[in-house]
C-alpha atoms as a PDB file:
ATOM      1  CA  UNK A   1      -7.863  -1.099  10.900  1.00  0.00           C
ATOM      2  CA  UNK A   2      -8.315  -4.825  10.081  1.00  0.00           C
ATOM      3  CA  UNK A   3     -10.004  -4.311   5.424  1.00  0.00           C
ATOM      4  CA  UNK A   4      -6.363  -5.974   5.130  1.00  0.00           C
ATOM      5  CA  UNK A   5      -5.958  -9.621   3.109  1.00  0.00           C
ATOM      6  CA  UNK A   6      -3.308 -11.329   0.977  1.00  0.00           C
ATOM      7  CA  UNK A   7      -4.306 -10.371  -2.833  1.00  0.00           C
ATOM      8  CA  UNK A   8      -5.718  -6.836  -1.852  1.00  0.00           C
ATOM      9  CA  UNK A   9      -4.187  -4.272  -4.900  1.00  0.00           C
ATOM     10  CA  UNK A  10      -2.761  -6.685  -6.965  1.00  0.00           C
ATOM     11  CA  UNK A  11      -5.097  -6.924  -9.626  1.00  0.00           C
ATOM     12  CA  UNK A  12      -4.612  -2.083  -9.630  1.00  0.00           C
ATOM     13  CA  UNK A  13      -0.726  -3.379  -9.266  1.00  0.00           C
ATOM     14  CA  UNK A  14      -0.780  -5.480 -12.688  1.00  0.00           C
ATOM     15  CA  UNK A  15      -2.628  -2.962 -14.064  1.00  0.00           C
ATOM     16  CA  UNK A  16      -2.599   0.445 -13.589  1.00  0.00           C
ATOM     17  CA  UNK A  17       0.958   1.805 -14.189  1.00  0.00           C
ATOM     18  CA  UNK A  18      -0.412   5.322 -11.441  1.00  0.00           C
ATOM     19  CA  UNK A  19      -0.491   2.260  -8.467  1.00  0.00           C
ATOM     20  CA  UNK A  20       2.455  -0.077  -9.129  1.00  0.00           C
ATOM     21  CA  UNK A  21       5.132   3.389  -9.626  1.00  0.00           C
ATOM     22  CA  UNK A  22       3.440   4.397  -5.887  1.00  0.00           C
ATOM     23  CA  UNK A  23       3.467   0.507  -4.466  1.00  0.00           C
ATOM     24  CA  UNK A  24       6.982   0.265  -5.940  1.00  0.00           C
ATOM     25  CA  UNK A  25       8.146   3.138  -3.919  1.00  0.00           C
ATOM     26  CA  UNK A  26       6.288   1.757  -0.818  1.00  0.00           C
ATOM     27  CA  UNK A  27       8.221  -1.188  -0.627  1.00  0.00           C
ATOM     28  CA  UNK A  28      11.767   0.033  -1.600  1.00  0.00           C
ATOM     29  CA  UNK A  29      11.584   2.428   1.466  1.00  0.00           C
ATOM     30  CA  UNK A  30      10.510   0.193   3.980  1.00  0.00           C
ATOM     31  CA  UNK A  31      12.947  -2.617   2.370  1.00  0.00           C
ATOM     32  CA  UNK A  32      15.544   0.615   3.071  1.00  0.00           C
ATOM     33  CA  UNK A  33      14.284   1.598   6.242  1.00  0.00           C
ATOM     34  CA  UNK A  34      14.444  -1.593   7.859  1.00  0.00           C
ATOM     35  CA  UNK A  35      17.430  -2.749   6.166  1.00  0.00           C
ATOM     36  CA  UNK A  36      15.077  -6.178   5.186  1.00  0.00           C
ATOM     37  CA  UNK A  37      15.143  -8.301   2.272  1.00  0.00           C
ATOM     38  CA  UNK A  38      11.299  -8.742   3.118  1.00  0.00           C
ATOM     39  CA  UNK A  39       9.244  -7.391   0.573  1.00  0.00           C
ATOM     40  CA  UNK A  40       5.593  -5.342   1.587  1.00  0.00           C
ATOM     41  CA  UNK A  41       4.571  -6.656  -1.763  1.00  0.00           C
ATOM     42  CA  UNK A  42       4.847 -10.198  -1.257  1.00  0.00           C
ATOM     43  CA  UNK A  43       3.144 -10.025   1.945  1.00  0.00           C
ATOM     44  CA  UNK A  44      -0.029  -8.202   0.160  1.00  0.00           C
ATOM     45  CA  UNK A  45       0.121  -9.952  -2.641  1.00  0.00           C
ATOM     46  CA  UNK A  46       0.047 -12.873  -0.376  1.00  0.00           C
ATOM     47  CA  UNK A  47       2.752 -13.805  -2.661  1.00  0.00           C
ATOM     48  CA  UNK A  48       4.342 -17.314  -2.317  1.00  0.00           C
ATOM     49  CA  UNK A  49       7.490 -18.174  -0.083  1.00  0.00           C
ATOM     50  CA  UNK A  50       6.804 -15.062   1.786  1.00  0.00           C
ATOM     51  CA  UNK A  51       7.135 -15.827   6.080  1.00  0.00           C
ATOM     52  CA  UNK A  52       5.597 -12.958   7.186  1.00  0.00           C
ATOM     53  CA  UNK A  53       2.199 -12.245   8.321  1.00  0.00           C
ATOM     54  CA  UNK A  54      -0.143  -9.421   6.989  1.00  0.00           C
ATOM     55  CA  UNK A  55      -2.922  -9.360   9.559  1.00  0.00           C
ATOM     56  CA  UNK A  56       0.675  -8.223  11.767  1.00  0.00           C
ATOM     57  CA  UNK A  57       1.471  -4.312  12.430  1.00  0.00           C
ATOM     58  CA  UNK A  58       4.141  -4.310  11.500  1.00  0.00           C
ATOM     59  CA  UNK A  59       2.825  -4.905   7.551  1.00  0.00           C
ATOM     60  CA  UNK A  60      -0.647  -4.596   8.107  1.00  0.00           C
ATOM     61  CA  UNK A  61      -0.188  -0.622   8.328  1.00  0.00           C
ATOM     62  CA  UNK A  62       2.386   0.332   5.824  1.00  0.00           C
ATOM     63  CA  UNK A  63       0.363  -2.265   3.521  1.00  0.00           C
ATOM     64  CA  UNK A  64      -2.588   0.092   3.995  1.00  0.00           C
ATOM     65  CA  UNK A  65      -0.717   3.366   3.446  1.00  0.00           C
ATOM     66  CA  UNK A  66       0.297   2.013   0.466  1.00  0.00           C
ATOM     67  CA  UNK A  67      -2.849   1.616  -1.129  1.00  0.00           C
ATOM     68  CA  UNK A  68      -4.078   4.225   0.151  1.00  0.00           C
ATOM     69  CA  UNK A  69      -1.613   6.129  -1.444  1.00  0.00           C
ATOM     70  CA  UNK A  70      -1.705   4.192  -4.433  1.00  0.00           C
ATOM     71  CA  UNK A  71      -5.812   4.598  -4.542  1.00  0.00           C
ATOM     72  CA  UNK A  72      -5.391   8.834  -4.142  1.00  0.00           C
ATOM     73  CA  UNK A  73      -2.578   8.809  -7.372  1.00  0.00           C
ATOM     74  CA  UNK A  74      -4.556   6.680  -9.133  1.00  0.00           C
ATOM     75  CA  UNK A  75      -7.604   9.120  -8.846  1.00  0.00           C
ATOM     76  CA  UNK A  76      -5.562  12.519  -8.975  1.00  0.00           C
ATOM     77  CA  UNK A  77      -4.133  10.274 -12.297  1.00  0.00           C
ATOM     78  CA  UNK A  78      -7.699  10.591 -13.350  1.00  0.00           C
ATOM     79  CA  UNK A  79      -9.000  14.168 -13.433  1.00  0.00           C
ATOM     80  CA  UNK A  80      -9.642  13.835  -9.872  1.00  0.00           C
ATOM     81  CA  UNK A  81      -8.925  15.990  -6.720  1.00  0.00           C
ATOM     82  CA  UNK A  82     -11.434  16.627  -4.061  1.00  0.00           C
ATOM     83  CA  UNK A  83     -12.161  19.734  -2.531  1.00  0.00           C
ATOM     84  CA  UNK A  84     -11.795  17.532   1.636  1.00  0.00           C
ATOM     85  CA  UNK A  85      -9.723  14.591   2.941  1.00  0.00           C
ATOM     86  CA  UNK A  86     -10.624  13.050   6.160  1.00  0.00           C
ATOM     87  CA  UNK A  87      -9.187  10.142   6.829  1.00  0.00           C
ATOM     88  CA  UNK A  88      -9.319   8.277  10.712  1.00  0.00           C
ATOM     89  CA  UNK A  89      -6.509   6.612  12.652  1.00  0.00           C
ATOM     90  CA  UNK A  90      -3.405   5.752  10.123  1.00  0.00           C
ATOM     91  CA  UNK A  91      -5.934   7.175   7.102  1.00  0.00           C
ATOM     92  CA  UNK A  92      -5.279  10.762   8.207  1.00  0.00           C
ATOM     93  CA  UNK A  93      -1.406  10.323   7.012  1.00  0.00           C
ATOM     94  CA  UNK A  94      -2.344   9.075   3.872  1.00  0.00           C
ATOM     95  CA  UNK A  95      -4.734  11.543   4.006  1.00  0.00           C
ATOM     96  CA  UNK A  96      -2.798  14.905   5.021  1.00  0.00           C
END
């Protein structure tokens, strides 16, 4: 962990419907799981009014996972299908 930054994925979210769908789903699921109105997307994109910190593991880990999954779906939609995937630490979950 440690490569997260405010705004990560925002351009792809704005331009790629596949990415938008995955990130919206992750945001919805996280809100439901936490019973919270705080938005993962607000934290990820550094939107004004977000009071959460992307460097906090409770936000950075879901943000990294969500973006990894969104990128995987984007590549798949473009016909890119790897023969093998692997990940390290949190990336192992997204690779699965």
